[in-house]
């Protein structure tokens, strides 16, 4: 694969990830027990922060796919992580740049649960 094709593919994956993360549409959103145990309003604020996140830098996004982030809220640290599965969510996606064969799963967790 040429560098232009690689960059185009990566940009496509990042675009799909951003669209899903900002809307929570087009995949599955899950949370760990630690996040689920938060008071409802804290969860709402955390989910809003995940949707608004745009601080993707080489340190937290080395592959430029916009698939991971760190959020600090009320003195606690939270991560979100996007994973790519096949349509049935049984195996990894063969091509995360192709939405017809990819189910995106966004996991929101407390940092200590990672």
PDB file of N, CA and C in Angstrom:
ATOM      1  N   UNK A   1       0.847  -1.172   0.000  1.00  0.00           N
ATOM      2  CA  UNK A   1       0.000   0.000   0.000  1.00  0.00           C
ATOM      3  C   UNK A   1       0.896   1.239   0.000  1.00  0.00           C
ATOM      4  N   UNK A   2       0.609   2.183  -0.880  1.00  0.00           N
ATOM      5  CA  UNK A   2       1.409   3.400  -0.954  1.00  0.00           C
ATOM      6  C   UNK A   2       1.116   4.312   0.230  1.00  0.00           C
ATOM      7  N   UNK A   3       2.002   5.268   0.457  1.00  0.00           N
ATOM      8  CA  UNK A   3       1.828   6.194   1.578  1.00  0.00           C
ATOM      9  C   UNK A   3       0.541   6.997   1.408  1.00  0.00           C
ATOM     10  N   UNK A   4       0.214   7.419   0.178  1.00  0.00           N
ATOM     11  CA  UNK A   4      -1.036   8.157  -0.052  1.00  0.00           C
ATOM     12  C   UNK A   4      -2.247   7.305   0.302  1.00  0.00           C
ATOM     13  N   UNK A   5      -2.235   6.037  -0.094  1.00  0.00           N
ATOM     14  CA  UNK A   5      -3.343   5.128   0.218  1.00  0.00           C
ATOM     15  C   UNK A   5      -3.432   4.897   1.725  1.00  0.00           C
ATOM     16  N   UNK A   6      -2.283   4.742   2.370  1.00  0.00           N
ATOM     17  CA  UNK A   6      -2.267   4.546   3.819  1.00  0.00           C
ATOM     18  C   UNK A   6      -2.837   5.773   4.522  1.00  0.00           C
ATOM     19  N   UNK A   7      -2.407   6.962   4.127  1.00  0.00           N
ATOM     20  CA  UNK A   7      -2.910   8.195   4.733  1.00  0.00           C
ATOM     21  C   UNK A   7      -4.405   8.366   4.483  1.00  0.00           C
ATOM     22  N   UNK A   8      -4.862   8.031   3.290  1.00  0.00           N
ATOM     23  CA  UNK A   8      -6.287   8.126   2.954  1.00  0.00           C
ATOM     24  C   UNK A   8      -7.105   7.154   3.809  1.00  0.00           C
ATOM     25  N   UNK A   9      -6.601   5.945   3.952  1.00  0.00           N
ATOM     26  CA  UNK A   9      -7.289   4.926   4.765  1.00  0.00           C
ATOM     27  C   UNK A   9      -7.354   5.370   6.225  1.00  0.00           C
ATOM     28  N   UNK A  10      -6.252   5.861   6.755  1.00  0.00           N
ATOM     29  CA  UNK A  10      -6.217   6.332   8.144  1.00  0.00           C
ATOM     30  C   UNK A  10      -7.178   7.497   8.342  1.00  0.00           C
ATOM     31  N   UNK A  11      -7.211   8.423   7.403  1.00  0.00           N
ATOM     32  CA  UNK A  11      -8.132   9.569   7.493  1.00  0.00           C
ATOM     33  C   UNK A  11      -9.579   9.094   7.467  1.00  0.00           C
ATOM     34  N   UNK A  12      -9.852   8.075   6.674  1.00  0.00           N
ATOM     35  CA  UNK A  12     -11.203   7.511   6.609  1.00  0.00           C
ATOM     36  C   UNK A  12     -11.612   6.887   7.944  1.00  0.00           C
ATOM     37  N   UNK A  13     -10.705   6.115   8.534  1.00  0.00           N
ATOM     38  CA  UNK A  13     -10.970   5.492   9.833  1.00  0.00           C
ATOM     39  C   UNK A  13     -11.205   6.576  10.882  1.00  0.00           C
ATOM     40  N   UNK A  14     -10.359   7.594  10.919  1.00  0.00           N
ATOM     41  CA  UNK A  14     -10.516   8.683  11.890  1.00  0.00           C
ATOM     42  C   UNK A  14     -11.850   9.390  11.701  1.00  0.00           C
ATOM     43  N   UNK A  15     -12.250   9.583  10.463  1.00  0.00           N
ATOM     44  CA  UNK A  15     -13.526  10.249  10.171  1.00  0.00           C
ATOM     45  C   UNK A  15     -14.708   9.426  10.678  1.00  0.00           C
ATOM     46  N   UNK A  16     -14.680   8.116  10.438  1.00  0.00           N
ATOM     47  CA  UNK A  16     -15.744   7.238  10.948  1.00  0.00           C
ATOM     48  C   UNK A  16     -15.738   7.216  12.477  1.00  0.00           C
ATOM     49  N   UNK A  17     -14.542   7.179  13.065  1.00  0.00           N
ATOM     50  CA  UNK A  17     -14.447   7.173  14.528  1.00  0.00           C
ATOM     51  C   UNK A  17     -14.988   8.473  15.119  1.00  0.00           C
ATOM     52  N   UNK A  18     -14.640   9.601  14.514  1.00  0.00           N
ATOM     53  CA  UNK A  18     -15.134  10.891  15.006  1.00  0.00           C
ATOM     54  C   UNK A  18     -16.647  10.978  14.886  1.00  0.00           C
ATOM     55  N   UNK A  19     -17.181  10.535  13.759  1.00  0.00           N
ATOM     56  CA  UNK A  19     -18.635  10.597  13.561  1.00  0.00           C
ATOM     57  C   UNK A  19     -19.351   9.748  14.606  1.00  0.00           C
ATOM     58  N   UNK A  20     -18.836   8.565  14.881  1.00  0.00           N
ATOM     59  CA  UNK A  20     -19.457   7.701  15.882  1.00  0.00           C
ATOM     60  C   UNK A  20     -19.299   8.279  17.282  1.00  0.00           C
ATOM     61  N   UNK A  21     -18.075   8.689  17.630  1.00  0.00           N
ATOM     62  CA  UNK A  21     -17.815   9.191  18.982  1.00  0.00           C
ATOM     63  C   UNK A  21     -18.630  10.442  19.293  1.00  0.00           C
ATOM     64  N   UNK A  22     -18.830  11.304  18.341  1.00  0.00           N
ATOM     65  CA  UNK A  22     -19.543  12.558  18.610  1.00  0.00           C
ATOM     66  C   UNK A  22     -21.055  12.394  18.621  1.00  0.00           C
ATOM     67  N   UNK A  23     -21.564  11.302  18.071  1.00  0.00           N
ATOM     68  CA  UNK A  23     -23.027  11.104  18.011  1.00  0.00           C
ATOM     69  C   UNK A  23     -23.491   9.865  18.763  1.00  0.00           C
ATOM     70  N   UNK A  24     -22.588   8.915  19.013  1.00  0.00           N
ATOM     71  CA  UNK A  24     -22.920   7.605  19.577  1.00  0.00           C
ATOM     72  C   UNK A  24     -23.877   6.851  18.651  1.00  0.00           C
ATOM     73  N   UNK A  25     -23.829   7.142  17.376  1.00  0.00           N
ATOM     74  CA  UNK A  25     -24.652   6.441  16.376  1.00  0.00           C
ATOM     75  C   UNK A  25     -23.743   5.700  15.412  1.00  0.00           C
ATOM     76  N   UNK A  26     -24.137   4.478  15.076  1.00  0.00           N
ATOM     77  CA  UNK A  26     -23.369   3.711  14.110  1.00  0.00           C
ATOM     78  C   UNK A  26     -22.453   2.684  14.744  1.00  0.00           C
ATOM     79  N   UNK A  27     -22.720   2.330  15.981  1.00  0.00           N
ATOM     80  CA  UNK A  27     -21.909   1.337  16.678  1.00  0.00           C
ATOM     81  C   UNK A  27     -22.512   1.055  18.035  1.00  0.00           C
ATOM     82  N   UNK A  28     -21.672   0.597  18.929  1.00  0.00           N
ATOM     83  CA  UNK A  28     -22.126   0.273  20.287  1.00  0.00           C
ATOM     84  C   UNK A  28     -21.287   1.056  21.286  1.00  0.00           C
ATOM     85  N   UNK A  29     -21.931   1.566  22.306  1.00  0.00           N
ATOM     86  CA  UNK A  29     -21.248   2.262  23.396  1.00  0.00           C
ATOM     87  C   UNK A  29     -21.427   1.414  24.648  1.00  0.00           C
ATOM     88  N   UNK A  30     -20.319   1.101  25.291  1.00  0.00           N
ATOM     89  CA  UNK A  30     -20.365   0.331  26.533  1.00  0.00           C
ATOM     90  C   UNK A  30     -19.555   1.068  27.585  1.00  0.00           C
ATOM     91  N   UNK A  31     -19.870   0.769  28.851  1.00  0.00           N
ATOM     92  CA  UNK A  31     -19.126   1.359  29.952  1.00  0.00           C
ATOM     93  C   UNK A  31     -18.762   0.263  30.938  1.00  0.00           C
ATOM     94  N   UNK A  32     -17.700   0.493  31.635  1.00  0.00           N
ATOM     95  CA  UNK A  32     -17.269  -0.461  32.646  1.00  0.00           C
ATOM     96  C   UNK A  32     -18.113  -0.290  33.904  1.00  0.00           C
ATOM     97  N   UNK A  33     -17.957  -1.210  34.841  1.00  0.00           N
ATOM     98  CA  UNK A  33     -18.706  -1.141  36.093  1.00  0.00           C
ATOM     99  C   UNK A  33     -18.384   0.136  36.860  1.00  0.00           C
ATOM    100  N   UNK A  34     -17.128   0.566  36.808  1.00  0.00           N
ATOM    101  CA  UNK A  34     -16.729   1.775  37.518  1.00  0.00           C
ATOM    102  C   UNK A  34     -17.434   3.012  36.993  1.00  0.00           C
ATOM    103  N   UNK A  35     -17.627   3.081  35.689  1.00  0.00           N
ATOM    104  CA  UNK A  35     -18.354   4.211  35.097  1.00  0.00           C
ATOM    105  C   UNK A  35     -19.841   4.064  35.400  1.00  0.00           C
ATOM    106  N   UNK A  36     -20.363   2.881  35.277  1.00  0.00           N
ATOM    107  CA  UNK A  36     -21.786   2.657  35.538  1.00  0.00           C
ATOM    108  C   UNK A  36     -22.159   3.011  36.975  1.00  0.00           C
ATOM    109  N   UNK A  37     -21.211   2.885  37.902  1.00  0.00           N
ATOM    110  CA  UNK A  37     -21.480   3.175  39.306  1.00  0.00           C
ATOM    111  C   UNK A  37     -21.525   4.674  39.613  1.00  0.00           C
ATOM    112  N   UNK A  38     -21.122   5.500  38.663  1.00  0.00           N
ATOM    113  CA  UNK A  38     -21.150   6.950  38.887  1.00  0.00           C
ATOM    114  C   UNK A  38     -22.587   7.438  39.012  1.00  0.00           C
ATOM    115  N   UNK A  39     -22.787   8.527  39.739  1.00  0.00           N
ATOM    116  CA  UNK A  39     -24.122   9.148  39.742  1.00  0.00           C
ATOM    117  C   UNK A  39     -24.535   9.525  38.316  1.00  0.00           C
ATOM    118  N   UNK A  40     -25.808   9.476  38.048  1.00  0.00           N
ATOM    119  CA  UNK A  40     -26.325   9.686  36.688  1.00  0.00           C
ATOM    120  C   UNK A  40     -25.815  10.978  36.049  1.00  0.00           C
ATOM    121  N   UNK A  41     -25.830  12.075  36.765  1.00  0.00           N
ATOM    122  CA  UNK A  41     -25.388  13.350  36.186  1.00  0.00           C
ATOM    123  C   UNK A  41     -23.895  13.334  35.870  1.00  0.00           C
ATOM    124  N   UNK A  42     -23.099  12.618  36.658  1.00  0.00           N
ATOM    125  CA  UNK A  42     -21.673  12.497  36.358  1.00  0.00           C
ATOM    126  C   UNK A  42     -21.465  11.703  35.076  1.00  0.00           C
ATOM    127  N   UNK A  43     -22.280  10.664  34.882  1.00  0.00           N
ATOM    128  CA  UNK A  43     -22.196   9.896  33.622  1.00  0.00           C
ATOM    129  C   UNK A  43     -22.570  10.777  32.438  1.00  0.00           C
ATOM    130  N   UNK A  44     -23.621  11.550  32.590  1.00  0.00           N
ATOM    131  CA  UNK A  44     -24.050  12.446  31.501  1.00  0.00           C
ATOM    132  C   UNK A  44     -22.910  13.394  31.136  1.00  0.00           C
ATOM    133  N   UNK A  45     -22.286  13.989  32.135  1.00  0.00           N
ATOM    134  CA  UNK A  45     -21.179  14.920  31.880  1.00  0.00           C
ATOM    135  C   UNK A  45     -20.003  14.209  31.229  1.00  0.00           C
ATOM    136  N   UNK A  46     -19.717  12.983  31.657  1.00  0.00           N
ATOM    137  CA  UNK A  46     -18.621  12.214  31.083  1.00  0.00           C
ATOM    138  C   UNK A  46     -18.903  11.888  29.620  1.00  0.00           C
ATOM    139  N   UNK A  47     -20.107  11.448  29.331  1.00  0.00           N
ATOM    140  CA  UNK A  47     -20.458  11.137  27.940  1.00  0.00           C
ATOM    141  C   UNK A  47     -20.386  12.386  27.067  1.00  0.00           C
ATOM    142  N   UNK A  48     -20.799  13.528  27.601  1.00  0.00           N
ATOM    143  CA  UNK A  48     -20.689  14.784  26.854  1.00  0.00           C
ATOM    144  C   UNK A  48     -19.218  15.117  26.589  1.00  0.00           C
ATOM    145  N   UNK A  49     -18.366  14.863  27.575  1.00  0.00           N
ATOM    146  CA  UNK A  49     -16.938  15.124  27.404  1.00  0.00           C
ATOM    147  C   UNK A  49     -16.323  14.206  26.351  1.00  0.00           C
ATOM    148  N   UNK A  50     -16.758  12.950  26.309  1.00  0.00           N
ATOM    149  CA  UNK A  50     -16.273  12.025  25.276  1.00  0.00           C
ATOM    150  C   UNK A  50     -16.700  12.538  23.900  1.00  0.00           C
ATOM    151  N   UNK A  51     -17.925  12.953  23.774  1.00  0.00           N
ATOM    152  CA  UNK A  51     -18.419  13.464  22.488  1.00  0.00           C
ATOM    153  C   UNK A  51     -17.668  14.720  22.042  1.00  0.00           C
ATOM    154  N   UNK A  52     -17.291  15.557  22.983  1.00  0.00           N
ATOM    155  CA  UNK A  52     -16.635  16.821  22.654  1.00  0.00           C
ATOM    156  C   UNK A  52     -15.117  16.698  22.519  1.00  0.00           C
ATOM    157  N   UNK A  53     -14.559  15.573  22.913  1.00  0.00           N
ATOM    158  CA  UNK A  53     -13.099  15.409  22.922  1.00  0.00           C
ATOM    159  C   UNK A  53     -12.524  15.632  21.529  1.00  0.00           C
ATOM    160  N   UNK A  54     -11.459  16.437  21.466  1.00  0.00           N
ATOM    161  CA  UNK A  54     -10.787  16.629  20.173  1.00  0.00           C
ATOM    162  C   UNK A  54      -9.292  16.885  20.353  1.00  0.00           C
ATOM    163  N   UNK A  55      -8.742  16.452  21.465  1.00  0.00           N
ATOM    164  CA  UNK A  55      -7.322  16.669  21.768  1.00  0.00           C
ATOM    165  C   UNK A  55      -6.478  15.482  21.311  1.00  0.00           C
ATOM    166  N   UNK A  56      -6.577  15.152  20.046  1.00  0.00           N
ATOM    167  CA  UNK A  56      -5.802  14.039  19.517  1.00  0.00           C
ATOM    168  C   UNK A  56      -4.411  14.526  19.137  1.00  0.00           C
ATOM    169  N   UNK A  57      -3.411  13.953  19.790  1.00  0.00           N
ATOM    170  CA  UNK A  57      -2.018  14.313  19.582  1.00  0.00           C
ATOM    171  C   UNK A  57      -1.232  13.024  19.348  1.00  0.00           C
ATOM    172  N   UNK A  58      -0.031  13.124  18.779  1.00  0.00           N
ATOM    173  CA  UNK A  58       0.764  11.909  18.554  1.00  0.00           C
ATOM    174  C   UNK A  58       0.983  11.078  19.817  1.00  0.00           C
ATOM    175  N   UNK A  59       1.024  11.721  20.995  1.00  0.00           N
ATOM    176  CA  UNK A  59       1.247  10.978  22.239  1.00  0.00           C
ATOM    177  C   UNK A  59       0.066  10.075  22.586  1.00  0.00           C
ATOM    178  N   UNK A  60      -1.168  10.514  22.301  1.00  0.00           N
ATOM    179  CA  UNK A  60      -2.337   9.701  22.661  1.00  0.00           C
ATOM    180  C   UNK A  60      -3.020   9.100  21.431  1.00  0.00           C
ATOM    181  N   UNK A  61      -2.527   9.432  20.261  1.00  0.00           N
ATOM    182  CA  UNK A  61      -3.135   8.958  19.016  1.00  0.00           C
ATOM    183  C   UNK A  61      -2.037   8.661  17.985  1.00  0.00           C
ATOM    184  N   UNK A  62      -1.135   7.727  18.291  1.00  0.00           N
ATOM    185  CA  UNK A  62       0.026   7.508  17.421  1.00  0.00           C
ATOM    186  C   UNK A  62      -0.313   7.037  16.007  1.00  0.00           C
ATOM    187  N   UNK A  63      -1.466   6.427  15.812  1.00  0.00           N
ATOM    188  CA  UNK A  63      -1.831   5.946  14.482  1.00  0.00           C
ATOM    189  C   UNK A  63      -2.813   6.879  13.779  1.00  0.00           C
ATOM    190  N   UNK A  64      -3.141   8.008  14.427  1.00  0.00           N
ATOM    191  CA  UNK A  64      -4.003   9.054  13.860  1.00  0.00           C
ATOM    192  C   UNK A  64      -5.399   8.545  13.507  1.00  0.00           C
ATOM    193  N   UNK A  65      -5.888   7.560  14.264  1.00  0.00           N
ATOM    194  CA  UNK A  65      -7.225   7.011  14.010  1.00  0.00           C
ATOM    195  C   UNK A  65      -8.290   7.589  14.941  1.00  0.00           C
ATOM    196  N   UNK A  66      -7.904   8.439  15.876  1.00  0.00           N
ATOM    197  CA  UNK A  66      -8.853   9.044  16.831  1.00  0.00           C
ATOM    198  C   UNK A  66      -9.640   7.968  17.579  1.00  0.00           C
ATOM    199  N   UNK A  67      -8.910   6.975  18.087  1.00  0.00           N
ATOM    200  CA  UNK A  67      -9.557   5.822  18.720  1.00  0.00           C
ATOM    201  C   UNK A  67      -9.311   5.711  20.224  1.00  0.00           C
ATOM    202  N   UNK A  68      -8.710   6.728  20.827  1.00  0.00           N
ATOM    203  CA  UNK A  68      -8.410   6.675  22.250  1.00  0.00           C
ATOM    204  C   UNK A  68      -8.344   8.093  22.803  1.00  0.00           C
ATOM    205  N   UNK A  69      -8.809   8.268  24.040  1.00  0.00           N
ATOM    206  CA  UNK A  69      -8.702   9.574  24.669  1.00  0.00           C
ATOM    207  C   UNK A  69      -8.727   9.481  26.178  1.00  0.00           C
ATOM    208  N   UNK A  70      -8.218  10.512  26.811  1.00  0.00           N
ATOM    209  CA  UNK A  70      -8.175  10.645  28.263  1.00  0.00           C
ATOM    210  C   UNK A  70      -8.977  11.873  28.653  1.00  0.00           C
ATOM    211  N   UNK A  71      -9.849  11.694  29.626  1.00  0.00           N
ATOM    212  CA  UNK A  71     -10.673  12.792  30.131  1.00  0.00           C
ATOM    213  C   UNK A  71     -10.516  12.837  31.644  1.00  0.00           C
ATOM    214  N   UNK A  72     -10.318  14.033  32.170  1.00  0.00           N
ATOM    215  CA  UNK A  72     -10.259  14.220  33.616  1.00  0.00           C
ATOM    216  C   UNK A  72     -11.537  14.927  34.038  1.00  0.00           C
ATOM    217  N   UNK A  73     -12.179  14.361  35.051  1.00  0.00           N
ATOM    218  CA  UNK A  73     -13.447  14.912  35.533  1.00  0.00           C
ATOM    219  C   UNK A  73     -13.503  14.734  37.046  1.00  0.00           C
ATOM    220  N   UNK A  74     -13.713  15.819  37.745  1.00  0.00           N
ATOM    221  CA  UNK A  74     -13.852  15.790  39.204  1.00  0.00           C
ATOM    222  C   UNK A  74     -12.707  15.038  39.889  1.00  0.00           C
ATOM    223  N   UNK A  75     -11.498  15.255  39.394  1.00  0.00           N
ATOM    224  CA  UNK A  75     -10.325  14.632  39.993  1.00  0.00           C
ATOM    225  C   UNK A  75     -10.088  13.184  39.603  1.00  0.00           C
ATOM    226  N   UNK A  76     -10.930  12.627  38.765  1.00  0.00           N
ATOM    227  CA  UNK A  76     -10.766  11.237  38.307  1.00  0.00           C
ATOM    228  C   UNK A  76     -10.365  11.242  36.829  1.00  0.00           C
ATOM    229  N   UNK A  77      -9.664  10.189  36.438  1.00  0.00           N
ATOM    230  CA  UNK A  77      -9.242  10.047  35.042  1.00  0.00           C
ATOM    231  C   UNK A  77     -10.055   8.935  34.384  1.00  0.00           C
ATOM    232  N   UNK A  78     -10.501   9.202  33.169  1.00  0.00           N
ATOM    233  CA  UNK A  78     -11.290   8.252  32.390  1.00  0.00           C
ATOM    234  C   UNK A  78     -10.666   8.109  31.011  1.00  0.00           C
ATOM    235  N   UNK A  79     -10.763   6.910  30.462  1.00  0.00           N
ATOM    236  CA  UNK A  79     -10.329   6.641  29.093  1.00  0.00           C
ATOM    237  C   UNK A  79     -11.547   6.282  28.262  1.00  0.00           C
ATOM    238  N   UNK A  80     -11.443   6.573  26.966  1.00  0.00           N
ATOM    239  CA  UNK A  80     -12.359   5.948  26.023  1.00  0.00           C
ATOM    240  C   UNK A  80     -11.501   5.277  24.968  1.00  0.00           C
ATOM    241  N   UNK A  81     -11.979   4.160  24.473  1.00  0.00           N
ATOM    242  CA  UNK A  81     -11.249   3.361  23.491  1.00  0.00           C
ATOM    243  C   UNK A  81     -12.224   2.821  22.472  1.00  0.00           C
ATOM    244  N   UNK A  82     -11.888   2.996  21.198  1.00  0.00           N
ATOM    245  CA  UNK A  82     -12.694   2.444  20.114  1.00  0.00           C
ATOM    246  C   UNK A  82     -12.034   1.178  19.594  1.00  0.00           C
ATOM    247  N   UNK A  83     -12.819   0.125  19.436  1.00  0.00           N
ATOM    248  CA  UNK A  83     -12.350  -1.119  18.845  1.00  0.00           C
ATOM    249  C   UNK A  83     -13.209  -1.433  17.629  1.00  0.00           C
ATOM    250  N   UNK A  84     -12.654  -2.234  16.732  1.00  0.00           N
ATOM    251  CA  UNK A  84     -13.308  -2.548  15.464  1.00  0.00           C
ATOM    252  C   UNK A  84     -13.607  -4.038  15.379  1.00  0.00           C
ATOM    253  N   UNK A  85     -14.884  -4.367  15.247  1.00  0.00           N
ATOM    254  CA  UNK A  85     -15.316  -5.757  15.144  1.00  0.00           C
ATOM    255  C   UNK A  85     -16.019  -5.987  13.814  1.00  0.00           C
ATOM    256  N   UNK A  86     -16.178  -7.264  13.480  1.00  0.00           N
ATOM    257  CA  UNK A  86     -16.968  -7.597  12.301  1.00  0.00           C
ATOM    258  C   UNK A  86     -18.438  -7.282  12.592  1.00  0.00           C
ATOM    259  N   UNK A  87     -19.300  -7.445  11.599  1.00  0.00           N
ATOM    260  CA  UNK A  87     -20.717  -7.074  11.743  1.00  0.00           C
ATOM    261  C   UNK A  87     -21.402  -7.819  12.881  1.00  0.00           C
ATOM    262  N   UNK A  88     -20.986  -9.051  13.151  1.00  0.00           N
ATOM    263  CA  UNK A  88     -21.607  -9.855  14.206  1.00  0.00           C
ATOM    264  C   UNK A  88     -20.943  -9.655  15.573  1.00  0.00           C
ATOM    265  N   UNK A  89     -19.908  -8.846  15.624  1.00  0.00           N
ATOM    266  CA  UNK A  89     -19.137  -8.600  16.862  1.00  0.00           C
ATOM    267  C   UNK A  89     -18.528  -9.870  17.431  1.00  0.00           C
ATOM    268  N   UNK A  90     -18.118 -10.767  16.547  1.00  0.00           N
ATOM    269  CA  UNK A  90     -17.462 -12.003  16.981  1.00  0.00           C
ATOM    270  C   UNK A  90     -15.950 -11.950  16.798  1.00  0.00           C
ATOM    271  N   UNK A  91     -15.498 -11.241  15.783  1.00  0.00           N
ATOM    272  CA  UNK A  91     -14.086 -11.174  15.421  1.00  0.00           C
ATOM    273  C   UNK A  91     -13.715  -9.727  15.133  1.00  0.00           C
ATOM    274  N   UNK A  92     -12.434  -9.491  15.019  1.00  0.00           N
ATOM    275  CA  UNK A  92     -11.983  -8.161  14.617  1.00  0.00           C
ATOM    276  C   UNK A  92     -12.386  -7.876  13.181  1.00  0.00           C
ATOM    277  N   UNK A  93     -12.597  -6.617  12.885  1.00  0.00           N
ATOM    278  CA  UNK A  93     -12.946  -6.222  11.517  1.00  0.00           C
ATOM    279  C   UNK A  93     -11.749  -6.432  10.591  1.00  0.00           C
ATOM    280  N   UNK A  94     -12.028  -6.926   9.409  1.00  0.00           N
ATOM    281  CA  UNK A  94     -10.964  -7.080   8.422  1.00  0.00           C
ATOM    282  C   UNK A  94     -10.536  -5.745   7.857  1.00  0.00           C
ATOM    283  N   UNK A  95     -11.447  -4.740   7.874  1.00  0.00           N
ATOM    284  CA  UNK A  95     -11.115  -3.430   7.329  1.00  0.00           C
ATOM    285  C   UNK A  95     -11.906  -2.337   8.042  1.00  0.00           C
ATOM    286  N   UNK A  96     -11.327  -1.739   9.084  1.00  0.00           N
ATOM    287  CA  UNK A  96     -12.032  -0.682   9.816  1.00  0.00           C
ATOM    288  C   UNK A  96     -12.376   0.542   8.965  1.00  0.00           C
ATOM    289  N   UNK A  97     -11.784   0.659   7.787  1.00  0.00           N
ATOM    290  CA  UNK A  97     -12.102   1.766   6.891  1.00  0.00           C
ATOM    291  C   UNK A  97     -13.369   1.499   6.090  1.00  0.00           C
ATOM    292  N   UNK A  98     -13.913   0.288   6.205  1.00  0.00           N
ATOM    293  CA  UNK A  98     -15.123  -0.087   5.475  1.00  0.00           C
ATOM    294  C   UNK A  98     -16.264  -0.293   6.467  1.00  0.00           C
ATOM    295  N   UNK A  99     -17.183   0.674   6.560  1.00  0.00           N
ATOM    296  CA  UNK A  99     -18.268   0.556   7.543  1.00  0.00           C
ATOM    297  C   UNK A  99     -19.223  -0.594   7.273  1.00  0.00           C
ATOM    298  N   UNK A 100     -19.247  -1.110   6.066  1.00  0.00           N
ATOM    299  CA  UNK A 100     -20.160  -2.214   5.780  1.00  0.00           C
ATOM    300  C   UNK A 100     -19.710  -3.517   6.438  1.00  0.00           C
ATOM    301  N   UNK A 101     -18.443  -3.588   6.822  1.00  0.00           N
ATOM    302  CA  UNK A 101     -17.962  -4.808   7.481  1.00  0.00           C
ATOM    303  C   UNK A 101     -17.387  -4.531   8.871  1.00  0.00           C
ATOM    304  N   UNK A 102     -17.737  -3.369   9.433  1.00  0.00           N
ATOM    305  CA  UNK A 102     -17.178  -2.982  10.726  1.00  0.00           C
ATOM    306  C   UNK A 102     -18.251  -2.507  11.692  1.00  0.00           C
ATOM    307  N   UNK A 103     -18.217  -3.035  12.911  1.00  0.00           N
ATOM    308  CA  UNK A 103     -19.016  -2.509  14.014  1.00  0.00           C
ATOM    309  C   UNK A 103     -18.049  -1.850  14.978  1.00  0.00           C
ATOM    310  N   UNK A 104     -18.229  -0.572  15.202  1.00  0.00           N
ATOM    311  CA  UNK A 104     -17.380   0.159  16.143  1.00  0.00           C
ATOM    312  C   UNK A 104     -17.950  -0.005  17.549  1.00  0.00           C
ATOM    313  N   UNK A 105     -17.066  -0.273  18.503  1.00  0.00           N
ATOM    314  CA  UNK A 105     -17.460  -0.402  19.903  1.00  0.00           C
ATOM    315  C   UNK A 105     -16.618   0.594  20.701  1.00  0.00           C
ATOM    316  N   UNK A 106     -17.304   1.523  21.340  1.00  0.00           N
ATOM    317  CA  UNK A 106     -16.664   2.545  22.158  1.00  0.00           C
ATOM    318  C   UNK A 106     -16.818   2.149  23.622  1.00  0.00           C
ATOM    319  N   UNK A 107     -15.695   1.927  24.293  1.00  0.00           N
ATOM    320  CA  UNK A 107     -15.715   1.584  25.710  1.00  0.00           C
ATOM    321  C   UNK A 107     -15.252   2.797  26.508  1.00  0.00           C
ATOM    322  N   UNK A 108     -16.045   3.155  27.525  1.00  0.00           N
ATOM    323  CA  UNK A 108     -15.702   4.253  28.411  1.00  0.00           C
ATOM    324  C   UNK A 108     -15.408   3.641  29.775  1.00  0.00           C
ATOM    325  N   UNK A 109     -14.227   3.977  30.332  1.00  0.00           N
ATOM    326  CA  UNK A 109     -13.786   3.318  31.562  1.00  0.00           C
ATOM    327  C   UNK A 109     -13.037   4.277  32.460  1.00  0.00           C
ATOM    328  N   UNK A 110     -12.983   3.939  33.733  1.00  0.00           N
ATOM    329  CA  UNK A 110     -12.099   4.639  34.653  1.00  0.00           C
ATOM    330  C   UNK A 110     -10.674   4.221  34.302  1.00  0.00           C
ATOM    331  N   UNK A 111      -9.733   5.112  34.436  1.00  0.00           N
ATOM    332  CA  UNK A 111      -8.351   4.808  34.058  1.00  0.00           C
ATOM    333  C   UNK A 111      -7.818   3.574  34.797  1.00  0.00           C
ATOM    334  N   UNK A 112      -8.195   3.429  36.066  1.00  0.00           N
ATOM    335  CA  UNK A 112      -7.671   2.288  36.823  1.00  0.00           C
ATOM    336  C   UNK A 112      -8.288   0.961  36.385  1.00  0.00           C
ATOM    337  N   UNK A 113      -9.314   0.989  35.566  1.00  0.00           N
ATOM    338  CA  UNK A 113      -9.909  -0.245  35.058  1.00  0.00           C
ATOM    339  C   UNK A 113      -9.256  -0.719  33.761  1.00  0.00           C
ATOM    340  N   UNK A 114      -8.356   0.076  33.207  1.00  0.00           N
ATOM    341  CA  UNK A 114      -7.734  -0.272  31.931  1.00  0.00           C
ATOM    342  C   UNK A 114      -6.788  -1.435  32.090  1.00  0.00           C
TER     343      UNK A 114
END
